[in-house]
PDB file of N, CA and C in Angstrom:
ATOM      1  N   MET A   1       8.097  31.128  -4.050  1.00  0.00           N
ATOM      2  CA  MET A   1       7.311  30.080  -3.435  1.00  0.00           C
ATOM      3  C   MET A   1       6.450  29.413  -4.501  1.00  0.00           C
ATOM      4  N   ASN A   2       6.464  28.095  -4.539  1.00  0.00           N
ATOM      5  CA  ASN A   2       5.680  27.346  -5.514  1.00  0.00           C
ATOM      6  C   ASN A   2       4.243  27.201  -5.039  1.00  0.00           C
ATOM      7  N   HIS A   3       3.327  27.381  -5.962  1.00  0.00           N
ATOM      8  CA  HIS A   3       1.916  27.199  -5.657  1.00  0.00           C
ATOM      9  C   HIS A   3       1.449  25.903  -6.297  1.00  0.00           C
ATOM     10  N   THR A   4       0.806  25.081  -5.505  1.00  0.00           N
ATOM     11  CA  THR A   4       0.281  23.815  -6.004  1.00  0.00           C
ATOM     12  C   THR A   4      -1.177  24.026  -6.390  1.00  0.00           C
ATOM     13  N   ASP A   5      -1.521  23.632  -7.594  1.00  0.00           N
ATOM     14  CA  ASP A   5      -2.901  23.833  -8.037  1.00  0.00           C
ATOM     15  C   ASP A   5      -3.842  22.808  -7.398  1.00  0.00           C
ATOM     16  N   PHE A   6      -5.124  23.057  -7.518  1.00  0.00           N
ATOM     17  CA  PHE A   6      -6.122  22.210  -6.874  1.00  0.00           C
ATOM     18  C   PHE A   6      -6.205  20.822  -7.492  1.00  0.00           C
ATOM     19  N   TRP A   7      -5.888  20.686  -8.778  1.00  0.00           N
ATOM     20  CA  TRP A   7      -5.902  19.367  -9.414  1.00  0.00           C
ATOM     21  C   TRP A   7      -4.847  18.469  -8.786  1.00  0.00           C
ATOM     22  N   THR A   8      -3.681  18.989  -8.552  1.00  0.00           N
ATOM     23  CA  THR A   8      -2.610  18.195  -7.935  1.00  0.00           C
ATOM     24  C   THR A   8      -3.012  17.760  -6.530  1.00  0.00           C
ATOM     25  N   LEU A   9      -3.541  18.700  -5.750  1.00  0.00           N
ATOM     26  CA  LEU A   9      -3.983  18.345  -4.403  1.00  0.00           C
ATOM     27  C   LEU A   9      -5.120  17.322  -4.445  1.00  0.00           C
ATOM     28  N   GLY A  10      -6.034  17.470  -5.394  1.00  0.00           N
ATOM     29  CA  GLY A  10      -7.132  16.516  -5.532  1.00  0.00           C
ATOM     30  C   GLY A  10      -6.641  15.122  -5.872  1.00  0.00           C
ATOM     31  N   VAL A  11      -5.671  15.046  -6.763  1.00  0.00           N
ATOM     32  CA  VAL A  11      -5.109  13.753  -7.136  1.00  0.00           C
ATOM     33  C   VAL A  11      -4.389  13.114  -5.948  1.00  0.00           C
ATOM     34  N   ILE A  12      -3.651  13.892  -5.193  1.00  0.00           N
ATOM     35  CA  ILE A  12      -2.944  13.359  -4.020  1.00  0.00           C
ATOM     36  C   ILE A  12      -3.942  12.820  -3.001  1.00  0.00           C
ATOM     37  N   VAL A  13      -5.005  13.578  -2.731  1.00  0.00           N
ATOM     38  CA  VAL A  13      -6.023  13.139  -1.772  1.00  0.00           C
ATOM     39  C   VAL A  13      -6.734  11.888  -2.283  1.00  0.00           C
ATOM     40  N   ALA A  14      -7.074  11.859  -3.574  1.00  0.00           N
ATOM     41  CA  ALA A  14      -7.760  10.687  -4.141  1.00  0.00           C
ATOM     42  C   ALA A  14      -6.881   9.446  -4.083  1.00  0.00           C
ATOM     43  N   LEU A  15      -5.597   9.582  -4.422  1.00  0.00           N
ATOM     44  CA  LEU A  15      -4.696   8.435  -4.352  1.00  0.00           C
ATOM     45  C   LEU A  15      -4.507   7.952  -2.920  1.00  0.00           C
ATOM     46  N   ALA A  16      -4.443   8.883  -1.969  1.00  0.00           N
ATOM     47  CA  ALA A  16      -4.333   8.482  -0.562  1.00  0.00           C
ATOM     48  C   ALA A  16      -5.585   7.729  -0.132  1.00  0.00           C
ATOM     49  N   PHE A  17      -6.762   8.196  -0.549  1.00  0.00           N
ATOM     50  CA  PHE A  17      -8.011   7.524  -0.206  1.00  0.00           C
ATOM     51  C   PHE A  17      -8.068   6.118  -0.798  1.00  0.00           C
ATOM     52  N   VAL A  18      -7.710   5.984  -2.068  1.00  0.00           N
ATOM     53  CA  VAL A  18      -7.734   4.672  -2.715  1.00  0.00           C
ATOM     54  C   VAL A  18      -6.734   3.721  -2.044  1.00  0.00           C
ATOM     55  N   THR A  19      -5.579   4.233  -1.673  1.00  0.00           N
ATOM     56  CA  THR A  19      -4.569   3.405  -1.005  1.00  0.00           C
ATOM     57  C   THR A  19      -5.080   2.915   0.349  1.00  0.00           C
ATOM     58  N   VAL A  20      -5.639   3.805   1.137  1.00  0.00           N
ATOM     59  CA  VAL A  20      -6.160   3.415   2.450  1.00  0.00           C
ATOM     60  C   VAL A  20      -7.316   2.435   2.287  1.00  0.00           C
ATOM     61  N   LEU A  21      -8.206   2.692   1.349  1.00  0.00           N
ATOM     62  CA  LEU A  21      -9.327   1.789   1.118  1.00  0.00           C
ATOM     63  C   LEU A  21      -8.857   0.404   0.690  1.00  0.00           C
ATOM     64  N   ALA A  22      -7.867   0.345  -0.213  1.00  0.00           N
ATOM     65  CA  ALA A  22      -7.370  -0.949  -0.687  1.00  0.00           C
ATOM     66  C   ALA A  22      -6.679  -1.722   0.432  1.00  0.00           C
ATOM     67  N   ARG A  23      -5.969  -1.036   1.294  1.00  0.00           N
ATOM     68  CA  ARG A  23      -5.268  -1.726   2.379  1.00  0.00           C
ATOM     69  C   ARG A  23      -6.208  -2.145   3.504  1.00  0.00           C
ATOM     70  N   CYS A  24      -7.298  -1.422   3.691  1.00  0.00           N
ATOM     71  CA  CYS A  24      -8.229  -1.729   4.776  1.00  0.00           C
ATOM     72  C   CYS A  24      -9.447  -2.513   4.295  1.00  0.00           C
ATOM     73  N   PHE A  25      -9.499  -2.875   3.036  1.00  0.00           N
ATOM     74  CA  PHE A  25     -10.679  -3.507   2.464  1.00  0.00           C
ATOM     75  C   PHE A  25     -11.079  -4.770   3.212  1.00  0.00           C
ATOM     76  N   PHE A  26     -10.126  -5.603   3.583  1.00  0.00           N
ATOM     77  CA  PHE A  26     -10.435  -6.872   4.231  1.00  0.00           C
ATOM     78  C   PHE A  26     -10.868  -6.683   5.686  1.00  0.00           C
ATOM     79  N   PHE A  27     -10.549  -5.538   6.270  1.00  0.00           N
ATOM     80  CA  PHE A  27     -10.968  -5.277   7.650  1.00  0.00           C
ATOM     81  C   PHE A  27     -12.397  -4.756   7.738  1.00  0.00           C
ATOM     82  N   LEU A  28     -12.957  -4.334   6.618  1.00  0.00           N
ATOM     83  CA  LEU A  28     -14.299  -3.759   6.620  1.00  0.00           C
ATOM     84  C   LEU A  28     -15.397  -4.814   6.691  1.00  0.00           C
ATOM     85  N   SER A  29     -15.093  -6.042   6.382  1.00  0.00           N
ATOM     86  CA  SER A  29     -16.084  -7.119   6.387  1.00  0.00           C
ATOM     87  C   SER A  29     -16.151  -7.772   7.756  1.00  0.00           C
ATOM     88  N   ASN A  30     -17.371  -8.228   8.114  1.00  0.00           N
ATOM     89  CA  ASN A  30     -17.553  -8.935   9.392  1.00  0.00           C
ATOM     90  C   ASN A  30     -17.227 -10.415   9.274  1.00  0.00           C
ATOM     91  N   LYS A  31     -17.233 -10.940   8.054  1.00  0.00           N
ATOM     92  CA  LYS A  31     -16.964 -12.357   7.832  1.00  0.00           C
ATOM     93  C   LYS A  31     -15.491 -12.562   7.478  1.00  0.00           C
ATOM     94  N   PRO A  32     -14.932 -13.707   7.880  1.00  0.00           N
ATOM     95  CA  PRO A  32     -13.549 -13.992   7.467  1.00  0.00           C
ATOM     96  C   PRO A  32     -13.486 -14.288   5.970  1.00  0.00           C
ATOM     97  N   TRP A  33     -12.374 -13.949   5.375  1.00  0.00           N
ATOM     98  CA  TRP A  33     -12.140 -14.187   3.949  1.00  0.00           C
ATOM     99  C   TRP A  33     -11.169 -15.354   3.825  1.00  0.00           C
ATOM    100  N   PRO A  34     -11.678 -16.557   3.617  1.00  0.00           N
ATOM    101  CA  PRO A  34     -10.765 -17.703   3.499  1.00  0.00           C
ATOM    102  C   PRO A  34     -10.000 -17.653   2.169  1.00  0.00           C
ATOM    103  N   MET A  35      -8.733 -17.956   2.254  1.00  0.00           N
ATOM    104  CA  MET A  35      -7.909 -18.019   1.046  1.00  0.00           C
ATOM    105  C   MET A  35      -7.707 -19.483   0.672  1.00  0.00           C
ATOM    106  N   PRO A  36      -7.681 -19.760  -0.612  1.00  0.00           N
ATOM    107  CA  PRO A  36      -7.381 -21.135  -1.023  1.00  0.00           C
ATOM    108  C   PRO A  36      -5.973 -21.535  -0.571  1.00  0.00           C
ATOM    109  N   HIS A  37      -5.780 -22.824  -0.429  1.00  0.00           N
ATOM    110  CA  HIS A  37      -4.483 -23.330   0.043  1.00  0.00           C
ATOM    111  C   HIS A  37      -3.344 -22.918  -0.896  1.00  0.00           C
ATOM    112  N   TRP A  38      -3.592 -22.915  -2.204  1.00  0.00           N
ATOM    113  CA  TRP A  38      -2.534 -22.584  -3.152  1.00  0.00           C
ATOM    114  C   TRP A  38      -2.122 -21.120  -3.027  1.00  0.00           C
ATOM    115  N   VAL A  39      -3.042 -20.233  -2.617  1.00  0.00           N
ATOM    116  CA  VAL A  39      -2.690 -18.822  -2.413  1.00  0.00           C
ATOM    117  C   VAL A  39      -1.839 -18.681  -1.156  1.00  0.00           C
ATOM    118  N   GLN A  40      -2.237 -19.374  -0.095  1.00  0.00           N
ATOM    119  CA  GLN A  40      -1.455 -19.320   1.137  1.00  0.00           C
ATOM    120  C   GLN A  40      -0.046 -19.841   0.924  1.00  0.00           C
ATOM    121  N   ARG A  41       0.056 -20.915   0.153  1.00  0.00           N
ATOM    122  CA  ARG A  41       1.376 -21.483  -0.119  1.00  0.00           C
ATOM    123  C   ARG A  41       2.209 -20.536  -0.987  1.00  0.00           C
ATOM    124  N   GLY A  42       1.577 -19.902  -1.955  1.00  0.00           N
ATOM    125  CA  GLY A  42       2.289 -18.952  -2.803  1.00  0.00           C
ATOM    126  C   GLY A  42       2.768 -17.728  -2.043  1.00  0.00           C
ATOM    127  N   LEU A  43       2.000 -17.282  -1.053  1.00  0.00           N
ATOM    128  CA  LEU A  43       2.400 -16.123  -0.262  1.00  0.00           C
ATOM    129  C   LEU A  43       3.627 -16.400   0.609  1.00  0.00           C
ATOM    130  N   GLN A  44       3.907 -17.663   0.864  1.00  0.00           N
ATOM    131  CA  GLN A  44       5.108 -17.996   1.617  1.00  0.00           C
ATOM    132  C   GLN A  44       6.365 -17.645   0.829  1.00  0.00           C
ATOM    133  N   TYR A  45       6.273 -17.693  -0.500  1.00  0.00           N
ATOM    134  CA  TYR A  45       7.432 -17.429  -1.344  1.00  0.00           C
ATOM    135  C   TYR A  45       7.512 -15.981  -1.810  1.00  0.00           C
ATOM    136  N   ALA A  46       6.504 -15.179  -1.531  1.00  0.00           N
ATOM    137  CA  ALA A  46       6.484 -13.797  -2.006  1.00  0.00           C
ATOM    138  C   ALA A  46       7.652 -12.957  -1.476  1.00  0.00           C
ATOM    139  N   PRO A  47       7.997 -13.019  -0.182  1.00  0.00           N
ATOM    140  CA  PRO A  47       9.111 -12.180   0.288  1.00  0.00           C
ATOM    141  C   PRO A  47      10.447 -12.529  -0.377  1.00  0.00           C
ATOM    142  N   ILE A  48      10.742 -13.806  -0.538  1.00  0.00           N
ATOM    143  CA  ILE A  48      12.018 -14.176  -1.159  1.00  0.00           C
ATOM    144  C   ILE A  48      12.021 -13.829  -2.644  1.00  0.00           C
ATOM    145  N   ALA A  49      10.862 -13.922  -3.294  1.00  0.00           N
ATOM    146  CA  ALA A  49      10.782 -13.543  -4.707  1.00  0.00           C
ATOM    147  C   ALA A  49      10.995 -12.045  -4.876  1.00  0.00           C
ATOM    148  N   ALA A  50      10.392 -11.248  -4.012  1.00  0.00           N
ATOM    149  CA  ALA A  50      10.571  -9.797  -4.092  1.00  0.00           C
ATOM    150  C   ALA A  50      12.010  -9.413  -3.785  1.00  0.00           C
ATOM    151  N   LEU A  51      12.595 -10.046  -2.782  1.00  0.00           N
ATOM    152  CA  LEU A  51      13.986  -9.758  -2.441  1.00  0.00           C
ATOM    153  C   LEU A  51      14.918 -10.140  -3.582  1.00  0.00           C
ATOM    154  N   SER A  52      14.669 -11.270  -4.205  1.00  0.00           N
ATOM    155  CA  SER A  52      15.484 -11.697  -5.341  1.00  0.00           C
ATOM    156  C   SER A  52      15.359 -10.732  -6.509  1.00  0.00           C
ATOM    157  N   ALA A  53      14.164 -10.223  -6.735  1.00  0.00           N
ATOM    158  CA  ALA A  53      13.962  -9.293  -7.846  1.00  0.00           C
ATOM    159  C   ALA A  53      14.715  -7.990  -7.637  1.00  0.00           C
ATOM    160  N   VAL A  54      14.967  -7.629  -6.397  1.00  0.00           N
ATOM    161  CA  VAL A  54      15.702  -6.394  -6.110  1.00  0.00           C
ATOM    162  C   VAL A  54      17.199  -6.650  -6.026  1.00  0.00           C
ATOM    163  N   ILE A  55      17.607  -7.730  -5.392  1.00  0.00           N
ATOM    164  CA  ILE A  55      19.020  -7.972  -5.090  1.00  0.00           C
ATOM    165  C   ILE A  55      19.795  -8.529  -6.278  1.00  0.00           C
ATOM    166  N   ILE A  56      19.251  -9.479  -7.005  1.00  0.00           N
ATOM    167  CA  ILE A  56      20.008 -10.135  -8.081  1.00  0.00           C
ATOM    168  C   ILE A  56      20.487  -9.145  -9.146  1.00  0.00           C
ATOM    169  N   PRO A  57      19.655  -8.223  -9.632  1.00  0.00           N
ATOM    170  CA  PRO A  57      20.199  -7.254 -10.595  1.00  0.00           C
ATOM    171  C   PRO A  57      21.324  -6.402 -10.023  1.00  0.00           C
ATOM    172  N   GLU A  58      21.267  -6.087  -8.725  1.00  0.00           N
ATOM    173  CA  GLU A  58      22.343  -5.308  -8.110  1.00  0.00           C
ATOM    174  C   GLU A  58      23.645  -6.094  -8.029  1.00  0.00           C
ATOM    175  N   MET A  59      23.549  -7.417  -7.967  1.00  0.00           N
ATOM    176  CA  MET A  59      24.749  -8.237  -7.847  1.00  0.00           C
ATOM    177  C   MET A  59      25.441  -8.434  -9.183  1.00  0.00           C
ATOM    178  N   VAL A  60      24.693  -8.483 -10.267  1.00  0.00           N
ATOM    179  CA  VAL A  60      25.292  -8.857 -11.552  1.00  0.00           C
ATOM    180  C   VAL A  60      25.290  -7.741 -12.591  1.00  0.00           C
ATOM    181  N   MET A  61      24.797  -6.551 -12.232  1.00  0.00           N
ATOM    182  CA  MET A  61      24.729  -5.470 -13.215  1.00  0.00           C
ATOM    183  C   MET A  61      25.346  -4.190 -12.666  1.00  0.00           C
ATOM    184  N   THR A  62      25.911  -3.404 -13.589  1.00  0.00           N
ATOM    185  CA  THR A  62      26.423  -2.080 -13.286  1.00  0.00           C
ATOM    186  C   THR A  62      25.963  -1.141 -14.389  1.00  0.00           C
ATOM    187  N   GLN A  63      25.331  -0.036 -14.016  1.00  0.00           N
ATOM    188  CA  GLN A  63      24.865   0.952 -14.984  1.00  0.00           C
ATOM    189  C   GLN A  63      23.969   0.328 -16.055  1.00  0.00           C
ATOM    190  N   GLY A  64      23.190  -0.690 -15.693  1.00  0.00           N
ATOM    191  CA  GLY A  64      22.266  -1.315 -16.621  1.00  0.00           C
ATOM    192  C   GLY A  64      22.883  -2.359 -17.532  1.00  0.00           C
ATOM    193  N   HIS A  65      24.151  -2.691 -17.332  1.00  0.00           N
ATOM    194  CA  HIS A  65      24.824  -3.700 -18.153  1.00  0.00           C
ATOM    195  C   HIS A  65      25.394  -4.783 -17.239  1.00  0.00           C
ATOM    196  N   LEU A  66      25.499  -5.995 -17.765  1.00  0.00           N
ATOM    197  CA  LEU A  66      26.086  -7.079 -16.990  1.00  0.00           C
ATOM    198  C   LEU A  66      27.539  -6.765 -16.656  1.00  0.00           C
ATOM    199  N   VAL A  67      27.976  -7.222 -15.495  1.00  0.00           N
ATOM    200  CA  VAL A  67      29.363  -7.028 -15.080  1.00  0.00           C
ATOM    201  C   VAL A  67      30.256  -7.737 -16.080  1.00  0.00           C
ATOM    202  N   SER A  68      31.232  -7.025 -16.621  1.00  0.00           N
ATOM    203  CA  SER A  68      32.061  -7.595 -17.685  1.00  0.00           C
ATOM    204  C   SER A  68      33.467  -7.964 -17.216  1.00  0.00           C
ATOM    205  N   THR A  69      33.783  -7.740 -15.950  1.00  0.00           N
ATOM    206  CA  THR A  69      35.112  -8.059 -15.447  1.00  0.00           C
ATOM    207  C   THR A  69      34.990  -8.851 -14.153  1.00  0.00           C
ATOM    208  N   TRP A  70      35.973  -9.634 -13.855  1.00  0.00           N
ATOM    209  CA  TRP A  70      35.969 -10.395 -12.621  1.00  0.00           C
ATOM    210  C   TRP A  70      36.402  -9.532 -11.442  1.00  0.00           C
ATOM    211  N   GLN A  71      36.915  -8.329 -11.703  1.00  0.00           N
ATOM    212  CA  GLN A  71      37.379  -7.431 -10.642  1.00  0.00           C
ATOM    213  C   GLN A  71      36.220  -6.592 -10.107  1.00  0.00           C
ATOM    214  N   ASP A  72      35.260  -7.264  -9.583  1.00  0.00           N
ATOM    215  CA  ASP A  72      34.110  -6.615  -8.966  1.00  0.00           C
ATOM    216  C   ASP A  72      33.889  -7.277  -7.611  1.00  0.00           C
ATOM    217  N   ALA A  73      33.929  -6.486  -6.566  1.00  0.00           N
ATOM    218  CA  ALA A  73      33.831  -7.022  -5.211  1.00  0.00           C
ATOM    219  C   ALA A  73      32.508  -7.736  -4.972  1.00  0.00           C
ATOM    220  N   ARG A  74      31.469  -7.326  -5.677  1.00  0.00           N
ATOM    221  CA  ARG A  74      30.161  -7.958  -5.488  1.00  0.00           C
ATOM    222  C   ARG A  74      30.181  -9.429  -5.879  1.00  0.00           C
ATOM    223  N   LEU A  75      30.909  -9.760  -6.927  1.00  0.00           N
ATOM    224  CA  LEU A  75      30.967 -11.153  -7.369  1.00  0.00           C
ATOM    225  C   LEU A  75      31.609 -12.046  -6.315  1.00  0.00           C
ATOM    226  N   PHE A  76      32.688 -11.572  -5.723  1.00  0.00           N
ATOM    227  CA  PHE A  76      33.360 -12.350  -4.671  1.00  0.00           C
ATOM    228  C   PHE A  76      32.474 -12.447  -3.426  1.00  0.00           C
ATOM    229  N   ALA A  77      31.752 -11.375  -3.114  1.00  0.00           N
ATOM    230  CA  ALA A  77      30.852 -11.395  -1.967  1.00  0.00           C
ATOM    231  C   ALA A  77      29.708 -12.376  -2.185  1.00  0.00           C
ATOM    232  N   VAL A  78      29.189 -12.454  -3.405  1.00  0.00           N
ATOM    233  CA  VAL A  78      28.115 -13.392  -3.709  1.00  0.00           C
ATOM    234  C   VAL A  78      28.601 -14.826  -3.557  1.00  0.00           C
ATOM    235  N   VAL A  79      29.784 -15.114  -4.059  1.00  0.00           N
ATOM    236  CA  VAL A  79      30.330 -16.471  -3.955  1.00  0.00           C
ATOM    237  C   VAL A  79      30.571 -16.840  -2.493  1.00  0.00           C
ATOM    238  N   ALA A  80      31.133 -15.918  -1.716  1.00  0.00           N
ATOM    239  CA  ALA A  80      31.395 -16.197  -0.302  1.00  0.00           C
ATOM    240  C   ALA A  80      30.088 -16.361   0.470  1.00  0.00           C
ATOM    241  N   GLY A  81      29.112 -15.496   0.214  1.00  0.00           N
ATOM    242  CA  GLY A  81      27.828 -15.601   0.898  1.00  0.00           C
ATOM    243  C   GLY A  81      27.099 -16.887   0.542  1.00  0.00           C
ATOM    244  N   ALA A  82      27.126 -17.260  -0.725  1.00  0.00           N
ATOM    245  CA  ALA A  82      26.465 -18.501  -1.153  1.00  0.00           C
ATOM    246  C   ALA A  82      27.152 -19.718  -0.539  1.00  0.00           C
ATOM    247  N   ALA A  83      28.486 -19.692  -0.479  1.00  0.00           N
ATOM    248  CA  ALA A  83      29.220 -20.804   0.138  1.00  0.00           C
ATOM    249  C   ALA A  83      28.845 -20.927   1.609  1.00  0.00           C
ATOM    250  N   TRP A  84      28.766 -19.810   2.315  1.00  0.00           N
ATOM    251  CA  TRP A  84      28.370 -19.840   3.725  1.00  0.00           C
ATOM    252  C   TRP A  84      26.958 -20.394   3.881  1.00  0.00           C
ATOM    253  N   PHE A  85      26.048 -19.930   3.038  1.00  0.00           N
ATOM    254  CA  PHE A  85      24.656 -20.382   3.150  1.00  0.00           C
ATOM    255  C   PHE A  85      24.543 -21.882   2.946  1.00  0.00           C
ATOM    256  N   PHE A  86      25.203 -22.416   1.927  1.00  0.00           N
ATOM    257  CA  PHE A  86      25.093 -23.847   1.675  1.00  0.00           C
ATOM    258  C   PHE A  86      25.861 -24.677   2.692  1.00  0.00           C
ATOM    259  N   TRP A  87      26.898 -24.103   3.297  1.00  0.00           N
ATOM    260  CA  TRP A  87      27.643 -24.806   4.337  1.00  0.00           C
ATOM    261  C   TRP A  87      26.824 -24.873   5.629  1.00  0.00           C
ATOM    262  N   ARG A  88      26.115 -23.795   5.963  1.00  0.00           N
ATOM    263  CA  ARG A  88      25.355 -23.709   7.205  1.00  0.00           C
ATOM    264  C   ARG A  88      23.851 -23.815   6.973  1.00  0.00           C
ATOM    265  N   LYS A  89      23.429 -24.526   5.970  1.00  0.00           N
ATOM    266  CA  LYS A  89      22.032 -24.554   5.551  1.00  0.00           C
ATOM    267  C   LYS A  89      21.068 -24.954   6.663  1.00  0.00           C
ATOM    268  N   GLY A  90      21.428 -25.897   7.479  1.00  0.00           N
ATOM    269  CA  GLY A  90      20.530 -26.354   8.528  1.00  0.00           C
ATOM    270  C   GLY A  90      20.501 -25.456   9.743  1.00  0.00           C
ATOM    271  N   ALA A  91      21.432 -24.538   9.860  1.00  0.00           N
ATOM    272  CA  ALA A  91      21.511 -23.686  11.044  1.00  0.00           C
ATOM    273  C   ALA A  91      20.439 -22.603  11.001  1.00  0.00           C
ATOM    274  N   GLY A  92      20.026 -22.156  12.162  1.00  0.00           N
ATOM    275  CA  GLY A  92      19.002 -21.134  12.249  1.00  0.00           C
ATOM    276  C   GLY A  92      19.470 -19.758  11.819  1.00  0.00           C
ATOM    277  N   GLN A  93      20.765 -19.503  11.863  1.00  0.00           N
ATOM    278  CA  GLN A  93      21.307 -18.186  11.528  1.00  0.00           C
ATOM    279  C   GLN A  93      21.955 -18.169  10.150  1.00  0.00           C
ATOM    280  N   ALA A  94      21.510 -19.035   9.245  1.00  0.00           N
ATOM    281  CA  ALA A  94      22.150 -19.135   7.932  1.00  0.00           C
ATOM    282  C   ALA A  94      21.999 -17.851   7.129  1.00  0.00           C
ATOM    283  N   VAL A  95      20.843 -17.214   7.192  1.00  0.00           N
ATOM    284  CA  VAL A  95      20.618 -15.999   6.395  1.00  0.00           C
ATOM    285  C   VAL A  95      21.434 -14.840   6.950  1.00  0.00           C
ATOM    286  N   LEU A  96      21.424 -14.655   8.249  1.00  0.00           N
ATOM    287  CA  LEU A  96      22.223 -13.589   8.854  1.00  0.00           C
ATOM    288  C   LEU A  96      23.705 -13.812   8.589  1.00  0.00           C
ATOM    289  N   GLY A  97      24.152 -15.038   8.707  1.00  0.00           N
ATOM    290  CA  GLY A  97      25.550 -15.355   8.420  1.00  0.00           C
ATOM    291  C   GLY A  97      25.905 -15.083   6.974  1.00  0.00           C
ATOM    292  N   THR A  98      24.978 -15.345   6.058  1.00  0.00           N
ATOM    293  CA  THR A  98      25.204 -15.069   4.647  1.00  0.00           C
ATOM    294  C   THR A  98      25.446 -13.588   4.426  1.00  0.00           C
ATOM    295  N   ILE A  99      24.635 -12.752   5.056  1.00  0.00           N
ATOM    296  CA  ILE A  99      24.791 -11.307   4.913  1.00  0.00           C
ATOM    297  C   ILE A  99      26.111 -10.845   5.512  1.00  0.00           C
ATOM    298  N   VAL A 100      26.431 -11.339   6.700  1.00  0.00           N
ATOM    299  CA  VAL A 100      27.667 -10.922   7.370  1.00  0.00           C
ATOM    300  C   VAL A 100      28.897 -11.354   6.576  1.00  0.00           C
ATOM    301  N   VAL A 101      28.915 -12.592   6.103  1.00  0.00           N
ATOM    302  CA  VAL A 101      30.060 -13.080   5.335  1.00  0.00           C
ATOM    303  C   VAL A 101      30.177 -12.334   4.009  1.00  0.00           C
ATOM    304  N   GLY A 102      29.050 -12.131   3.326  1.00  0.00           N
ATOM    305  CA  GLY A 102      29.081 -11.406   2.061  1.00  0.00           C
ATOM    306  C   GLY A 102      29.606  -9.992   2.227  1.00  0.00           C
ATOM    307  N   MET A 103      29.133  -9.289   3.242  1.00  0.00           N
ATOM    308  CA  MET A 103      29.618  -7.930   3.484  1.00  0.00           C
ATOM    309  C   MET A 103      31.053  -7.931   3.992  1.00  0.00           C
ATOM    310  N   GLY A 104      31.421  -8.982   4.733  1.00  0.00           N
ATOM    311  CA  GLY A 104      32.802  -9.092   5.199  1.00  0.00           C
ATOM    312  C   GLY A 104      33.794  -9.270   4.063  1.00  0.00           C
ATOM    313  N   VAL A 105      33.363  -9.843   2.967  1.00  0.00           N
ATOM    314  CA  VAL A 105      34.213  -9.982   1.782  1.00  0.00           C
ATOM    315  C   VAL A 105      34.114  -8.731   0.919  1.00  0.00           C
ATOM    316  N   TYR A 106      32.914  -8.184   0.792  1.00  0.00           N
ATOM    317  CA  TYR A 106      32.691  -7.036  -0.094  1.00  0.00           C
ATOM    318  C   TYR A 106      33.422  -5.771   0.384  1.00  0.00           C
ATOM    319  N   LEU A 107      33.246  -5.435   1.655  1.00  0.00           N
ATOM    320  CA  LEU A 107      33.791  -4.164   2.143  1.00  0.00           C
ATOM    321  C   LEU A 107      35.305  -4.039   2.003  1.00  0.00           C
ATOM    322  N   PRO A 108      36.117  -5.037   2.431  1.00  0.00           N
ATOM    323  CA  PRO A 108      37.568  -4.868   2.263  1.00  0.00           C
ATOM    324  C   PRO A 108      37.974  -4.760   0.785  1.00  0.00           C
ATOM    325  N   LEU A 109      37.351  -5.548  -0.084  1.00  0.00           N
ATOM    326  CA  LEU A 109      37.701  -5.459  -1.508  1.00  0.00           C
ATOM    327  C   LEU A 109      37.284  -4.118  -2.091  1.00  0.00           C
ATOM    328  N   HIS A 110      36.131  -3.647  -1.715  1.00  0.00           N
ATOM    329  CA  HIS A 110      35.641  -2.384  -2.262  1.00  0.00           C
ATOM    330  C   HIS A 110      36.421  -1.199  -1.730  1.00  0.00           C
ATOM    331  N   LEU A 111      36.712  -1.217  -0.439  1.00  0.00           N
ATOM    332  CA  LEU A 111      37.412  -0.072   0.171  1.00  0.00           C
ATOM    333  C   LEU A 111      38.902  -0.063  -0.132  1.00  0.00           C
ATOM    334  N   SER A 112      39.539  -1.227  -0.099  1.00  0.00           N
ATOM    335  CA  SER A 112      40.990  -1.233  -0.294  1.00  0.00           C
ATOM    336  C   SER A 112      41.394  -1.250  -1.753  1.00  0.00           C
ATOM    337  N   LEU A 113      40.720  -2.027  -2.573  1.00  0.00           N
ATOM    338  CA  LEU A 113      41.093  -2.133  -3.985  1.00  0.00           C
ATOM    339  C   LEU A 113      40.247  -1.256  -4.894  1.00  0.00           C
ATOM    340  N   GLY A 114      39.165  -0.704  -4.369  1.00  0.00           N
ATOM    341  CA  GLY A 114      38.311   0.161  -5.177  1.00  0.00           C
ATOM    342  C   GLY A 114      37.480  -0.565  -6.201  1.00  0.00           C
ATOM    343  N   TRP A 115      37.275  -1.851  -6.016  1.00  0.00           N
ATOM    344  CA  TRP A 115      36.473  -2.614  -6.963  1.00  0.00           C
ATOM    345  C   TRP A 115      35.026  -2.248  -6.828  1.00  0.00           C
TER     346      TRP A 115
END
């Protein structure tokens, strides 16, 4: 049985406290905290920027290196998903359709051809 020392437990408790305090900081004040317009506008793009930072490397890299062959199912899925998105850009379900079309191309190529 592993024994955890008191320093480790202290650090875990301190980090949990700092995390809760940082997340609840704006709720502790009685006055509203107005944000400048440029911050509000920038926060609109934060989710897509974070998603792009996670997804794009997965689409174009393998084992930390750029994809070096065209026989990769992800490349075909990206092209199909992008084509769907730009074709249905005005539709309300463009993002969901992009995911469905991309996976619809990726899965058969990956499962049947092993790409």
